[in-house]
């Protein structure tokens, strides 16, 4: 739990530092104009921008590259709802490719590599036993390596369509939050260029909506973490029992 809190603090601190740096840079350089130019170039592609963006997102997932910037960019370039949908399509597309690779192409090699990790080794039997529940919980937590987990799912007996459904549902809250943040960036850009003049109440609505979404995601992440830890303990108990069926172990002793 301490590591999780530390990681959250680091991420929030990094976001705050980035925002402050962007603010000071915008006072000396035409950052707003540069961002507006990039946005116009992306939107100039029309339908192709909505086709290429999910493909780029999927490639990042498959290559285990961080996709948070692309998720924020989806909201920035396409708006909240279209950006959320595009990011979700890209994420599920990447998960499908990773699942296919681990199940039908590089199964043995990936199994040797992935199952060296204690957490992933515990999650594999948990996915086999609990199915969609573990997939949903592992995707809900914002700090779990979801791109890596997509390869793990292909090593289990879970069905492809069931896996993709719960990957999409589990990723939806986090992707919505990222897209919301990107939309706020788009509104901030229009504000900096004098294209919008919001009233004070609109600031409270925008920031309040973002804070509410972040709070819900944080609560879901905490619940998911506790349940995943319980699944990890259950898997440890099962391994010990299989090794020696005569041993009786209570779950409390594994904590």
Foldseek 3Di string as FASTA:
>chain_A
DVVLVVVVVVVVVVVVVVVVVVVVVVVVDVPLVVVVVVLCVLCVVPVVSLVVLLVVLLVCLLVLHDCLVSLLVLLQNPNQPSSLVSNLSSQLNNLLVLLCCCQPNCVVVLCVVQCVDLLLVLVQVLCQVVPLVLLLLQLLAPPHSNSSVSNSVSNHPHDSVSNSVSNSVSPNLVSSLSSLNSNVVNVVSCVVVVNDDDDPVVVCVSVVVSVVSVVVSVVSNVVSVVVSVLSSLVSVVVVVCVVPVVDDDDSVVSD
